[in-house]
Amino acid sequence: MSSGQKVRASHILVKHQGSRRPASFRDSEGVTIKATTRDAAIIILQAFRDAIEAGKVDFDVVAARYSDCSSAKRNGDLGWFARGQMQKPFEDVTYALNVGEMSGIVDTDSGVHIILRTG
C-alpha cells in the first residue's frame, strides 16, 4: 500500500494506569482507569475479543458500551485515516489487516486496543 492510501477502522480501547491520559469520557476522573493494570486491561480486552469471535456479541456493541475512546459514541468508528495520523503501532496493525479482519491486542501509549478494519 502506498502511504497516500487511507484506511478505515473501528476499535475498542481499554485504558489502564500506564495510559498517557489515564481518564476518559466514561471515567473523567480516571478512578477506574488508574486502578486498572495493563495486564488486567489485556484480560478484559481479550474477553471482549473472544466473545466477538464466538459470535456472542457484535464488535460495534462492545465498542459502544465499553470502549474508553470517545469513538464509542460512533460504535468505535474512527473514520478514514492516512499514515501519520494515528500512533504507529495502531497504524501499522490497521494497514496490515484485510477489510473485515479483527486484530489481536494492540498496545499503544493510549492503552490496549482491538481493531476492526472496515475500509
PDB file of N, CA and C in Angstrom:
ATOM      1  N   MET A   1       0.819  -1.186   0.000  1.00  0.00           N
ATOM      2  CA  MET A   1       0.000   0.000   0.000  1.00  0.00           C
ATOM      3  C   MET A   1       0.857   1.242   0.000  1.00  0.00           C
ATOM      4  N   SER A   2       0.456   2.229  -0.772  1.00  0.00           N
ATOM      5  CA  SER A   2       1.215   3.476  -0.765  1.00  0.00           C
ATOM      6  C   SER A   2       0.840   4.282   0.463  1.00  0.00           C
ATOM      7  N   SER A   3       1.709   5.184   0.837  1.00  0.00           N
ATOM      8  CA  SER A   3       1.459   5.947   2.053  1.00  0.00           C
ATOM      9  C   SER A   3       0.298   6.923   1.887  1.00  0.00           C
ATOM     10  N   GLY A   4      -0.123   7.200   0.647  1.00  0.00           N
ATOM     11  CA  GLY A   4      -1.226   8.109   0.421  1.00  0.00           C
ATOM     12  C   GLY A   4      -2.587   7.472   0.571  1.00  0.00           C
ATOM     13  N   GLN A   5      -2.653   6.155   0.612  1.00  0.00           N
ATOM     14  CA  GLN A   5      -3.930   5.486   0.732  1.00  0.00           C
ATOM     15  C   GLN A   5      -4.447   5.572   2.166  1.00  0.00           C
ATOM     16  N   LYS A   6      -5.755   5.718   2.258  1.00  0.00           N
ATOM     17  CA  LYS A   6      -6.380   5.782   3.578  1.00  0.00           C
ATOM     18  C   LYS A   6      -7.042   4.447   3.902  1.00  0.00           C
ATOM     19  N   VAL A   7      -7.196   4.198   5.181  1.00  0.00           N
ATOM     20  CA  VAL A   7      -7.906   3.023   5.682  1.00  0.00           C
ATOM     21  C   VAL A   7      -8.998   3.522   6.626  1.00  0.00           C
ATOM     22  N   ARG A   8      -9.942   2.653   6.861  1.00  0.00           N
ATOM     23  CA  ARG A   8     -10.987   2.975   7.837  1.00  0.00           C
ATOM     24  C   ARG A   8     -11.015   1.855   8.860  1.00  0.00           C
ATOM     25  N   ALA A   9     -11.209   2.232  10.121  1.00  0.00           N
ATOM     26  CA  ALA A   9     -11.206   1.230  11.181  1.00  0.00           C
ATOM     27  C   ALA A   9     -12.100   1.657  12.332  1.00  0.00           C
ATOM     28  N   SER A  10     -12.515   0.654  13.073  1.00  0.00           N
ATOM     29  CA  SER A  10     -13.177   0.844  14.358  1.00  0.00           C
ATOM     30  C   SER A  10     -12.281   0.178  15.397  1.00  0.00           C
ATOM     31  N   HIS A  11     -12.413   0.600  16.632  1.00  0.00           N
ATOM     32  CA  HIS A  11     -11.588  -0.038  17.672  1.00  0.00           C
ATOM     33  C   HIS A  11     -12.310  -0.028  19.008  1.00  0.00           C
ATOM     34  N   ILE A  12     -11.785  -0.841  19.885  1.00  0.00           N
ATOM     35  CA  ILE A  12     -12.207  -0.868  21.284  1.00  0.00           C
ATOM     36  C   ILE A  12     -10.946  -0.589  22.086  1.00  0.00           C
ATOM     37  N   LEU A  13     -10.986   0.430  22.894  1.00  0.00           N
ATOM     38  CA  LEU A  13      -9.847   0.836  23.709  1.00  0.00           C
ATOM     39  C   LEU A  13     -10.150   0.575  25.174  1.00  0.00           C
ATOM     40  N   VAL A  14      -9.198  -0.072  25.845  1.00  0.00           N
ATOM     41  CA  VAL A  14      -9.259  -0.205  27.303  1.00  0.00           C
ATOM     42  C   VAL A  14      -8.020   0.499  27.846  1.00  0.00           C
ATOM     43  N   LYS A  15      -8.265   1.576  28.571  1.00  0.00           N
ATOM     44  CA  LYS A  15      -7.159   2.323  29.174  1.00  0.00           C
ATOM     45  C   LYS A  15      -6.761   1.662  30.492  1.00  0.00           C
ATOM     46  N   HIS A  16      -5.539   1.972  30.918  1.00  0.00           N
ATOM     47  CA  HIS A  16      -5.022   1.437  32.179  1.00  0.00           C
ATOM     48  C   HIS A  16      -4.143   2.488  32.835  1.00  0.00           C
ATOM     49  N   GLN A  17      -3.651   2.180  34.011  1.00  0.00           N
ATOM     50  CA  GLN A  17      -2.886   3.154  34.787  1.00  0.00           C
ATOM     51  C   GLN A  17      -1.641   3.667  34.065  1.00  0.00           C
ATOM     52  N   GLY A  18      -1.139   2.938  33.079  1.00  0.00           N
ATOM     53  CA  GLY A  18       0.026   3.382  32.320  1.00  0.00           C
ATOM     54  C   GLY A  18      -0.318   4.148  31.053  1.00  0.00           C
ATOM     55  N   SER A  19      -1.591   4.367  30.802  1.00  0.00           N
ATOM     56  CA  SER A  19      -2.015   5.112  29.610  1.00  0.00           C
ATOM     57  C   SER A  19      -1.562   6.552  29.709  1.00  0.00           C
ATOM     58  N   ARG A  20      -1.244   7.143  28.568  1.00  0.00           N
ATOM     59  CA  ARG A  20      -0.720   8.516  28.591  1.00  0.00           C
ATOM     60  C   ARG A  20      -1.718   9.512  29.181  1.00  0.00           C
ATOM     61  N   ARG A  21      -2.987   9.246  29.048  1.00  0.00           N
ATOM     62  CA  ARG A  21      -4.028  10.066  29.681  1.00  0.00           C
ATOM     63  C   ARG A  21      -4.962   9.118  30.427  1.00  0.00           C
ATOM     64  N   PRO A  22      -4.709   8.899  31.714  1.00  0.00           N
ATOM     65  CA  PRO A  22      -5.489   7.910  32.475  1.00  0.00           C
ATOM     66  C   PRO A  22      -6.865   8.432  32.913  1.00  0.00           C
ATOM     67  N   ALA A  23      -7.621   8.903  31.925  1.00  0.00           N
ATOM     68  CA  ALA A  23      -9.008   9.316  32.126  1.00  0.00           C
ATOM     69  C   ALA A  23      -9.690   9.177  30.774  1.00  0.00           C
ATOM     70  N   SER A  24     -11.005   9.155  30.778  1.00  0.00           N
ATOM     71  CA  SER A  24     -11.736   9.057  29.517  1.00  0.00           C
ATOM     72  C   SER A  24     -13.094   9.724  29.684  1.00  0.00           C
ATOM     73  N   PHE A  25     -13.840   9.789  28.596  1.00  0.00           N
ATOM     74  CA  PHE A  25     -15.174  10.373  28.687  1.00  0.00           C
ATOM     75  C   PHE A  25     -16.069   9.543  29.607  1.00  0.00           C
ATOM     76  N   ARG A  26     -15.775   8.252  29.752  1.00  0.00           N
ATOM     77  CA  ARG A  26     -16.541   7.381  30.646  1.00  0.00           C
ATOM     78  C   ARG A  26     -16.090   7.521  32.103  1.00  0.00           C
ATOM     79  N   ASP A  27     -14.847   7.865  32.282  1.00  0.00           N
ATOM     80  CA  ASP A  27     -14.217   7.899  33.610  1.00  0.00           C
ATOM     81  C   ASP A  27     -13.388   9.185  33.691  1.00  0.00           C
ATOM     82  N   SER A  28     -14.078  10.315  33.775  1.00  0.00           N
ATOM     83  CA  SER A  28     -13.405  11.610  33.655  1.00  0.00           C
ATOM     84  C   SER A  28     -12.357  11.868  34.732  1.00  0.00           C
ATOM     85  N   GLU A  29     -12.517  11.264  35.891  1.00  0.00           N
ATOM     86  CA  GLU A  29     -11.523  11.406  36.959  1.00  0.00           C
ATOM     87  C   GLU A  29     -10.468  10.298  36.907  1.00  0.00           C
ATOM     88  N   GLY A  30     -10.698   9.310  36.063  1.00  0.00           N
ATOM     89  CA  GLY A  30      -9.746   8.215  35.928  1.00  0.00           C
ATOM     90  C   GLY A  30      -9.722   7.255  37.105  1.00  0.00           C
ATOM     91  N   VAL A  31     -10.768   7.214  37.888  1.00  0.00           N
ATOM     92  CA  VAL A  31     -10.797   6.364  39.085  1.00  0.00           C
ATOM     93  C   VAL A  31     -10.599   4.895  38.710  1.00  0.00           C
ATOM     94  N   THR A  32     -11.402   4.408  37.781  1.00  0.00           N
ATOM     95  CA  THR A  32     -11.298   3.007  37.364  1.00  0.00           C
ATOM     96  C   THR A  32     -10.018   2.774  36.561  1.00  0.00           C
ATOM     97  N   ILE A  33      -9.719   3.688  35.669  1.00  0.00           N
ATOM     98  CA  ILE A  33      -8.531   3.539  34.807  1.00  0.00           C
ATOM     99  C   ILE A  33      -7.261   3.475  35.658  1.00  0.00           C
ATOM    100  N   LYS A  34      -7.121   4.350  36.622  1.00  0.00           N
ATOM    101  CA  LYS A  34      -5.923   4.374  37.475  1.00  0.00           C
ATOM    102  C   LYS A  34      -5.797   3.127  38.342  1.00  0.00           C
ATOM    103  N   ALA A  35      -6.905   2.414  38.536  1.00  0.00           N
ATOM    104  CA  ALA A  35      -6.882   1.179  39.318  1.00  0.00           C
ATOM    105  C   ALA A  35      -6.710  -0.064  38.443  1.00  0.00           C
ATOM    106  N   THR A  36      -6.662   0.130  37.127  1.00  0.00           N
ATOM    107  CA  THR A  36      -6.564  -0.991  36.189  1.00  0.00           C
ATOM    108  C   THR A  36      -5.126  -1.140  35.708  1.00  0.00           C
ATOM    109  N   THR A  37      -4.539  -2.296  35.945  1.00  0.00           N
ATOM    110  CA  THR A  37      -3.181  -2.549  35.446  1.00  0.00           C
ATOM    111  C   THR A  37      -3.243  -2.852  33.951  1.00  0.00           C
ATOM    112  N   ARG A  38      -2.110  -2.780  33.303  1.00  0.00           N
ATOM    113  CA  ARG A  38      -2.035  -3.122  31.877  1.00  0.00           C
ATOM    114  C   ARG A  38      -2.458  -4.572  31.682  1.00  0.00           C
ATOM    115  N   ASP A  39      -1.976  -5.467  32.529  1.00  0.00           N
ATOM    116  CA  ASP A  39      -2.332  -6.884  32.411  1.00  0.00           C
ATOM    117  C   ASP A  39      -3.841  -7.101  32.558  1.00  0.00           C
ATOM    118  N   ALA A  40      -4.460  -6.387  33.490  1.00  0.00           N
ATOM    119  CA  ALA A  40      -5.913  -6.503  33.670  1.00  0.00           C
ATOM    120  C   ALA A  40      -6.650  -5.976  32.445  1.00  0.00           C
ATOM    121  N   ALA A  41      -6.160  -4.880  31.868  1.00  0.00           N
ATOM    122  CA  ALA A  41      -6.774  -4.316  30.662  1.00  0.00           C
ATOM    123  C   ALA A  41      -6.701  -5.314  29.509  1.00  0.00           C
ATOM    124  N   ILE A  42      -5.587  -6.003  29.392  1.00  0.00           N
ATOM    125  CA  ILE A  42      -5.432  -7.015  28.338  1.00  0.00           C
ATOM    126  C   ILE A  42      -6.413  -8.157  28.557  1.00  0.00           C
ATOM    127  N   ILE A  43      -6.584  -8.595  29.792  1.00  0.00           N
ATOM    128  CA  ILE A  43      -7.532  -9.681  30.095  1.00  0.00           C
ATOM    129  C   ILE A  43      -8.957  -9.255  29.721  1.00  0.00           C
ATOM    130  N   ILE A  44      -9.329  -8.041  30.069  1.00  0.00           N
ATOM    131  CA  ILE A  44     -10.655  -7.516  29.727  1.00  0.00           C
ATOM    132  C   ILE A  44     -10.841  -7.494  28.210  1.00  0.00           C
ATOM    133  N   LEU A  45      -9.860  -6.946  27.536  1.00  0.00           N
ATOM    134  CA  LEU A  45      -9.952  -6.817  26.077  1.00  0.00           C
ATOM    135  C   LEU A  45      -9.960  -8.182  25.393  1.00  0.00           C
ATOM    136  N   GLN A  46      -9.184  -9.123  25.895  1.00  0.00           N
ATOM    137  CA  GLN A  46      -9.168 -10.465  25.304  1.00  0.00           C
ATOM    138  C   GLN A  46     -10.523 -11.146  25.474  1.00  0.00           C
ATOM    139  N   ALA A  47     -11.174 -10.920  26.622  1.00  0.00           N
ATOM    140  CA  ALA A  47     -12.511 -11.482  26.836  1.00  0.00           C
ATOM    141  C   ALA A  47     -13.499 -10.886  25.834  1.00  0.00           C
ATOM    142  N   PHE A  48     -13.394  -9.587  25.583  1.00  0.00           N
ATOM    143  CA  PHE A  48     -14.243  -8.961  24.570  1.00  0.00           C
ATOM    144  C   PHE A  48     -13.985  -9.587  23.206  1.00  0.00           C
ATOM    145  N   ARG A  49     -12.710  -9.739  22.862  1.00  0.00           N
ATOM    146  CA  ARG A  49     -12.345 -10.284  21.554  1.00  0.00           C
ATOM    147  C   ARG A  49     -12.860 -11.717  21.392  1.00  0.00           C
ATOM    148  N   ASP A  50     -12.691 -12.511  22.426  1.00  0.00           N
ATOM    149  CA  ASP A  50     -13.163 -13.899  22.383  1.00  0.00           C
ATOM    150  C   ASP A  50     -14.683 -13.960  22.180  1.00  0.00           C
ATOM    151  N   ALA A  51     -15.420 -13.103  22.870  1.00  0.00           N
ATOM    152  CA  ALA A  51     -16.881 -13.080  22.742  1.00  0.00           C
ATOM    153  C   ALA A  51     -17.300 -12.639  21.336  1.00  0.00           C
ATOM    154  N   ILE A  52     -16.589 -11.683  20.781  1.00  0.00           N
ATOM    155  CA  ILE A  52     -16.881 -11.225  19.415  1.00  0.00           C
ATOM    156  C   ILE A  52     -16.603 -12.350  18.427  1.00  0.00           C
ATOM    157  N   GLU A  53     -15.443 -12.983  18.548  1.00  0.00           N
ATOM    158  CA  GLU A  53     -15.085 -14.086  17.646  1.00  0.00           C
ATOM    159  C   GLU A  53     -16.063 -15.244  17.746  1.00  0.00           C
ATOM    160  N   ALA A  54     -16.582 -15.501  18.937  1.00  0.00           N
ATOM    161  CA  ALA A  54     -17.521 -16.604  19.148  1.00  0.00           C
ATOM    162  C   ALA A  54     -18.931 -16.258  18.676  1.00  0.00           C
ATOM    163  N   GLY A  55     -19.127 -15.021  18.251  1.00  0.00           N
ATOM    164  CA  GLY A  55     -20.440 -14.607  17.775  1.00  0.00           C
ATOM    165  C   GLY A  55     -21.433 -14.309  18.881  1.00  0.00           C
ATOM    166  N   LYS A  56     -20.931 -14.148  20.103  1.00  0.00           N
ATOM    167  CA  LYS A  56     -21.817 -13.881  21.244  1.00  0.00           C
ATOM    168  C   LYS A  56     -22.249 -12.420  21.318  1.00  0.00           C
ATOM    169  N   VAL A  57     -21.467 -11.540  20.709  1.00  0.00           N
ATOM    170  CA  VAL A  57     -21.755 -10.105  20.723  1.00  0.00           C
ATOM    171  C   VAL A  57     -21.099  -9.481  19.491  1.00  0.00           C
ATOM    172  N   ASP A  58     -21.652  -8.374  19.034  1.00  0.00           N
ATOM    173  CA  ASP A  58     -21.095  -7.671  17.880  1.00  0.00           C
ATOM    174  C   ASP A  58     -20.029  -6.680  18.332  1.00  0.00           C
ATOM    175  N   PHE A  59     -19.026  -6.507  17.486  1.00  0.00           N
ATOM    176  CA  PHE A  59     -17.928  -5.581  17.754  1.00  0.00           C
ATOM    177  C   PHE A  59     -18.472  -4.196  18.113  1.00  0.00           C
ATOM    178  N   ASP A  60     -19.394  -3.677  17.285  1.00  0.00           N
ATOM    179  CA  ASP A  60     -19.890  -2.318  17.491  1.00  0.00           C
ATOM    180  C   ASP A  60     -20.638  -2.157  18.821  1.00  0.00           C
ATOM    181  N   VAL A  61     -21.285  -3.212  19.272  1.00  0.00           N
ATOM    182  CA  VAL A  61     -21.997  -3.160  20.556  1.00  0.00           C
ATOM    183  C   VAL A  61     -20.988  -3.051  21.703  1.00  0.00           C
ATOM    184  N   VAL A  62     -19.940  -3.858  21.648  1.00  0.00           N
ATOM    185  CA  VAL A  62     -18.901  -3.795  22.693  1.00  0.00           C
ATOM    186  C   VAL A  62     -18.230  -2.426  22.675  1.00  0.00           C
ATOM    187  N   ALA A  63     -17.893  -1.947  21.477  1.00  0.00           N
ATOM    188  CA  ALA A  63     -17.246  -0.631  21.367  1.00  0.00           C
ATOM    189  C   ALA A  63     -18.123   0.455  21.975  1.00  0.00           C
ATOM    190  N   ALA A  64     -19.407   0.440  21.647  1.00  0.00           N
ATOM    191  CA  ALA A  64     -20.323   1.474  22.151  1.00  0.00           C
ATOM    192  C   ALA A  64     -20.473   1.425  23.675  1.00  0.00           C
ATOM    193  N   ARG A  65     -20.473   0.235  24.229  1.00  0.00           N
ATOM    194  CA  ARG A  65     -20.729   0.084  25.668  1.00  0.00           C
ATOM    195  C   ARG A  65     -19.485   0.202  26.542  1.00  0.00           C
ATOM    196  N   TYR A  66     -18.325  -0.219  26.004  1.00  0.00           N
ATOM    197  CA  TYR A  66     -17.163  -0.368  26.889  1.00  0.00           C
ATOM    198  C   TYR A  66     -15.897   0.381  26.494  1.00  0.00           C
ATOM    199  N   SER A  67     -15.776   0.830  25.254  1.00  0.00           N
ATOM    200  CA  SER A  67     -14.523   1.473  24.841  1.00  0.00           C
ATOM    201  C   SER A  67     -14.287   2.759  25.619  1.00  0.00           C
ATOM    202  N   ASP A  68     -13.039   2.989  25.987  1.00  0.00           N
ATOM    203  CA  ASP A  68     -12.653   4.211  26.679  1.00  0.00           C
ATOM    204  C   ASP A  68     -12.387   5.365  25.722  1.00  0.00           C
ATOM    205  N   CYS A  69     -12.542   5.146  24.432  1.00  0.00           N
ATOM    206  CA  CYS A  69     -12.348   6.201  23.435  1.00  0.00           C
ATOM    207  C   CYS A  69     -13.698   6.862  23.148  1.00  0.00           C
ATOM    208  N   SER A  70     -13.681   8.156  22.901  1.00  0.00           N
ATOM    209  CA  SER A  70     -14.932   8.852  22.581  1.00  0.00           C
ATOM    210  C   SER A  70     -15.545   8.350  21.273  1.00  0.00           C
ATOM    211  N   SER A  71     -14.785   7.599  20.482  1.00  0.00           N
ATOM    212  CA  SER A  71     -15.342   6.988  19.268  1.00  0.00           C
ATOM    213  C   SER A  71     -16.424   5.966  19.626  1.00  0.00           C
ATOM    214  N   ALA A  72     -16.540   5.603  20.893  1.00  0.00           N
ATOM    215  CA  ALA A  72     -17.603   4.700  21.345  1.00  0.00           C
ATOM    216  C   ALA A  72     -18.969   5.270  20.966  1.00  0.00           C
ATOM    217  N   LYS A  73     -19.065   6.591  20.909  1.00  0.00           N
ATOM    218  CA  LYS A  73     -20.323   7.241  20.529  1.00  0.00           C
ATOM    219  C   LYS A  73     -20.693   6.941  19.079  1.00  0.00           C
ATOM    220  N   ARG A  74     -19.710   6.478  18.308  1.00  0.00           N
ATOM    221  CA  ARG A  74     -19.912   6.085  16.902  1.00  0.00           C
ATOM    222  C   ARG A  74     -19.663   4.588  16.741  1.00  0.00           C
ATOM    223  N   ASN A  75     -19.917   3.819  17.791  1.00  0.00           N
ATOM    224  CA  ASN A  75     -19.702   2.365  17.791  1.00  0.00           C
ATOM    225  C   ASN A  75     -18.243   1.996  17.509  1.00  0.00           C
ATOM    226  N   GLY A  76     -17.323   2.856  17.901  1.00  0.00           N
ATOM    227  CA  GLY A  76     -15.897   2.598  17.735  1.00  0.00           C
ATOM    228  C   GLY A  76     -15.312   3.091  16.429  1.00  0.00           C
ATOM    229  N   ASP A  77     -16.134   3.649  15.537  1.00  0.00           N
ATOM    230  CA  ASP A  77     -15.671   4.074  14.217  1.00  0.00           C
ATOM    231  C   ASP A  77     -14.737   5.276  14.309  1.00  0.00           C
ATOM    232  N   LEU A  78     -13.546   5.122  13.752  1.00  0.00           N
ATOM    233  CA  LEU A  78     -12.564   6.204  13.713  1.00  0.00           C
ATOM    234  C   LEU A  78     -12.579   6.943  12.386  1.00  0.00           C
ATOM    235  N   GLY A  79     -13.356   6.448  11.442  1.00  0.00           N
ATOM    236  CA  GLY A  79     -13.384   7.067  10.119  1.00  0.00           C
ATOM    237  C   GLY A  79     -12.147   6.696   9.315  1.00  0.00           C
ATOM    238  N   TRP A  80     -11.959   7.411   8.217  1.00  0.00           N
ATOM    239  CA  TRP A  80     -10.826   7.174   7.319  1.00  0.00           C
ATOM    240  C   TRP A  80      -9.605   7.919   7.836  1.00  0.00           C
ATOM    241  N   PHE A  81      -8.429   7.297   7.742  1.00  0.00           N
ATOM    242  CA  PHE A  81      -7.194   7.979   8.120  1.00  0.00           C
ATOM    243  C   PHE A  81      -6.034   7.478   7.267  1.00  0.00           C
ATOM    244  N   ALA A  82      -5.031   8.320   7.164  1.00  0.00           N
ATOM    245  CA  ALA A  82      -3.829   8.003   6.393  1.00  0.00           C
ATOM    246  C   ALA A  82      -2.670   7.760   7.351  1.00  0.00           C
ATOM    247  N   ARG A  83      -1.579   7.294   6.792  1.00  0.00           N
ATOM    248  CA  ARG A  83      -0.370   7.098   7.603  1.00  0.00           C
ATOM    249  C   ARG A  83       0.041   8.421   8.227  1.00  0.00           C
ATOM    250  N   GLY A  84       0.491   8.340   9.468  1.00  0.00           N
ATOM    251  CA  GLY A  84       0.939   9.529  10.176  1.00  0.00           C
ATOM    252  C   GLY A  84      -0.140  10.189  11.013  1.00  0.00           C
ATOM    253  N   GLN A  85      -1.372   9.672  10.972  1.00  0.00           N
ATOM    254  CA  GLN A  85      -2.460  10.281  11.732  1.00  0.00           C
ATOM    255  C   GLN A  85      -2.744   9.560  13.047  1.00  0.00           C
ATOM    256  N   MET A  86      -2.285   8.330  13.180  1.00  0.00           N
ATOM    257  CA  MET A  86      -2.511   7.546  14.394  1.00  0.00           C
ATOM    258  C   MET A  86      -1.148   7.156  14.976  1.00  0.00           C
ATOM    259  N   GLN A  87      -1.164   6.643  16.195  1.00  0.00           N
ATOM    260  CA  GLN A  87       0.078   6.147  16.773  1.00  0.00           C
ATOM    261  C   GLN A  87       0.583   4.986  15.922  1.00  0.00           C
ATOM    262  N   LYS A  88       1.889   4.923  15.747  1.00  0.00           N
ATOM    263  CA  LYS A  88       2.484   3.974  14.807  1.00  0.00           C
ATOM    264  C   LYS A  88       2.057   2.520  15.024  1.00  0.00           C
ATOM    265  N   PRO A  89       2.072   1.984  16.242  1.00  0.00           N
ATOM    266  CA  PRO A  89       1.647   0.581  16.394  1.00  0.00           C
ATOM    267  C   PRO A  89       0.209   0.356  15.918  1.00  0.00           C
ATOM    268  N   PHE A  90      -0.674   1.306  16.212  1.00  0.00           N
ATOM    269  CA  PHE A  90      -2.077   1.213  15.799  1.00  0.00           C
ATOM    270  C   PHE A  90      -2.170   1.254  14.278  1.00  0.00           C
ATOM    271  N   GLU A  91      -1.489   2.197  13.705  1.00  0.00           N
ATOM    272  CA  GLU A  91      -1.480   2.375  12.253  1.00  0.00           C
ATOM    273  C   GLU A  91      -0.897   1.157  11.544  1.00  0.00           C
ATOM    274  N   ASP A  92       0.227   0.665  12.003  1.00  0.00           N
ATOM    275  CA  ASP A  92       0.870  -0.480  11.357  1.00  0.00           C
ATOM    276  C   ASP A  92      -0.053  -1.703  11.333  1.00  0.00           C
ATOM    277  N   VAL A  93      -0.708  -1.966  12.452  1.00  0.00           N
ATOM    278  CA  VAL A  93      -1.614  -3.113  12.510  1.00  0.00           C
ATOM    279  C   VAL A  93      -2.807  -2.892  11.595  1.00  0.00           C
ATOM    280  N   THR A  94      -3.386  -1.702  11.628  1.00  0.00           N
ATOM    281  CA  THR A  94      -4.558  -1.429  10.801  1.00  0.00           C
ATOM    282  C   THR A  94      -4.245  -1.619   9.326  1.00  0.00           C
ATOM    283  N   TYR A  95      -3.131  -1.084   8.862  1.00  0.00           N
ATOM    284  CA  TYR A  95      -2.758  -1.216   7.449  1.00  0.00           C
ATOM    285  C   TYR A  95      -2.464  -2.669   7.076  1.00  0.00           C
ATOM    286  N   ALA A  96      -2.051  -3.481   8.025  1.00  0.00           N
ATOM    287  CA  ALA A  96      -1.734  -4.889   7.751  1.00  0.00           C
ATOM    288  C   ALA A  96      -2.985  -5.774   7.701  1.00  0.00           C
ATOM    289  N   LEU A  97      -4.079  -5.310   8.279  1.00  0.00           N
ATOM    290  CA  LEU A  97      -5.316  -6.091   8.291  1.00  0.00           C
ATOM    291  C   LEU A  97      -6.015  -6.036   6.935  1.00  0.00           C
ATOM    292  N   ASN A  98      -6.756  -7.078   6.625  1.00  0.00           N
ATOM    293  CA  ASN A  98      -7.657  -7.050   5.473  1.00  0.00           C
ATOM    294  C   ASN A  98      -8.973  -6.439   5.936  1.00  0.00           C
ATOM    295  N   VAL A  99      -9.731  -5.868   5.015  1.00  0.00           N
ATOM    296  CA  VAL A  99     -11.037  -5.326   5.350  1.00  0.00           C
ATOM    297  C   VAL A  99     -11.888  -6.450   5.950  1.00  0.00           C
ATOM    298  N   GLY A 100     -12.506  -6.163   7.087  1.00  0.00           N
ATOM    299  CA  GLY A 100     -13.327  -7.142   7.785  1.00  0.00           C
ATOM    300  C   GLY A 100     -12.562  -7.973   8.802  1.00  0.00           C
ATOM    301  N   GLU A 101     -11.257  -7.818   8.862  1.00  0.00           N
ATOM    302  CA  GLU A 101     -10.414  -8.591   9.778  1.00  0.00           C
ATOM    303  C   GLU A 101     -10.225  -7.839  11.099  1.00  0.00           C
ATOM    304  N   MET A 102     -10.209  -8.592  12.197  1.00  0.00           N
ATOM    305  CA  MET A 102     -10.018  -8.044  13.531  1.00  0.00           C
ATOM    306  C   MET A 102      -8.607  -8.373  14.016  1.00  0.00           C
ATOM    307  N   SER A 103      -7.994  -7.416  14.658  1.00  0.00           N
ATOM    308  CA  SER A 103      -6.630  -7.595  15.164  1.00  0.00           C
ATOM    309  C   SER A 103      -6.622  -8.378  16.464  1.00  0.00           C
ATOM    310  N   GLY A 104      -5.423  -8.728  16.877  1.00  0.00           N
ATOM    311  CA  GLY A 104      -5.200  -9.191  18.233  1.00  0.00           C
ATOM    312  C   GLY A 104      -5.084  -7.954  19.113  1.00  0.00           C
ATOM    313  N   ILE A 105      -4.479  -8.109  20.267  1.00  0.00           N
ATOM    314  CA  ILE A 105      -4.292  -6.990  21.187  1.00  0.00           C
ATOM    315  C   ILE A 105      -3.188  -6.085  20.638  1.00  0.00           C
ATOM    316  N   VAL A 106      -3.474  -4.794  20.587  1.00  0.00           N
ATOM    317  CA  VAL A 106      -2.514  -3.793  20.109  1.00  0.00           C
ATOM    318  C   VAL A 106      -2.247  -2.828  21.257  1.00  0.00           C
ATOM    319  N   ASP A 107      -0.983  -2.683  21.603  1.00  0.00           N
ATOM    320  CA  ASP A 107      -0.564  -1.847  22.723  1.00  0.00           C
ATOM    321  C   ASP A 107      -0.050  -0.509  22.195  1.00  0.00           C
ATOM    322  N   THR A 108      -0.634   0.598  22.675  1.00  0.00           N
ATOM    323  CA  THR A 108      -0.147   1.933  22.319  1.00  0.00           C
ATOM    324  C   THR A 108      -0.024   2.760  23.595  1.00  0.00           C
ATOM    325  N   ASP A 109       0.439   3.992  23.447  1.00  0.00           N
ATOM    326  CA  ASP A 109       0.517   4.889  24.602  1.00  0.00           C
ATOM    327  C   ASP A 109      -0.858   5.207  25.181  1.00  0.00           C
ATOM    328  N   SER A 110      -1.902   5.030  24.384  1.00  0.00           N
ATOM    329  CA  SER A 110      -3.258   5.334  24.848  1.00  0.00           C
ATOM    330  C   SER A 110      -3.854   4.219  25.693  1.00  0.00           C
ATOM    331  N   GLY A 111      -3.370   2.997  25.511  1.00  0.00           N
ATOM    332  CA  GLY A 111      -3.896   1.835  26.214  1.00  0.00           C
ATOM    333  C   GLY A 111      -3.812   0.620  25.300  1.00  0.00           C
ATOM    334  N   VAL A 112      -4.707  -0.328  25.483  1.00  0.00           N
ATOM    335  CA  VAL A 112      -4.719  -1.522  24.637  1.00  0.00           C
ATOM    336  C   VAL A 112      -6.002  -1.512  23.805  1.00  0.00           C
ATOM    337  N   HIS A 113      -5.885  -2.016  22.582  1.00  0.00           N
ATOM    338  CA  HIS A 113      -6.974  -1.935  21.626  1.00  0.00           C
ATOM    339  C   HIS A 113      -7.172  -3.285  20.938  1.00  0.00           C
ATOM    340  N   ILE A 114      -8.364  -3.475  20.387  1.00  0.00           N
ATOM    341  CA  ILE A 114      -8.571  -4.399  19.290  1.00  0.00           C
ATOM    342  C   ILE A 114      -9.141  -3.537  18.173  1.00  0.00           C
ATOM    343  N   ILE A 115      -8.710  -3.843  16.979  1.00  0.00           N
ATOM    344  CA  ILE A 115      -9.034  -3.027  15.807  1.00  0.00           C
ATOM    345  C   ILE A 115      -9.785  -3.891  14.801  1.00  0.00           C
ATOM    346  N   LEU A 116     -10.797  -3.321  14.224  1.00  0.00           N
ATOM    347  CA  LEU A 116     -11.527  -3.946  13.121  1.00  0.00           C
ATOM    348  C   LEU A 116     -11.367  -3.051  11.918  1.00  0.00           C
ATOM    349  N   ARG A 117     -10.709  -3.571  10.892  1.00  0.00           N
ATOM    350  CA  ARG A 117     -10.550  -2.762   9.673  1.00  0.00           C
ATOM    351  C   ARG A 117     -11.857  -2.823   8.890  1.00  0.00           C
ATOM    352  N   THR A 118     -12.393  -1.663   8.586  1.00  0.00           N
ATOM    353  CA  THR A 118     -13.690  -1.580   7.920  1.00  0.00           C
ATOM    354  C   THR A 118     -13.611  -1.016   6.512  1.00  0.00           C
ATOM    355  N   GLY A 119     -12.460  -0.508   6.135  1.00  0.00           N
ATOM    356  CA  GLY A 119     -12.331   0.029   4.781  1.00  0.00           C
ATOM    357  C   GLY A 119     -10.897   0.254   4.409  1.00  0.00           C
TER     358      GLY A 119
END
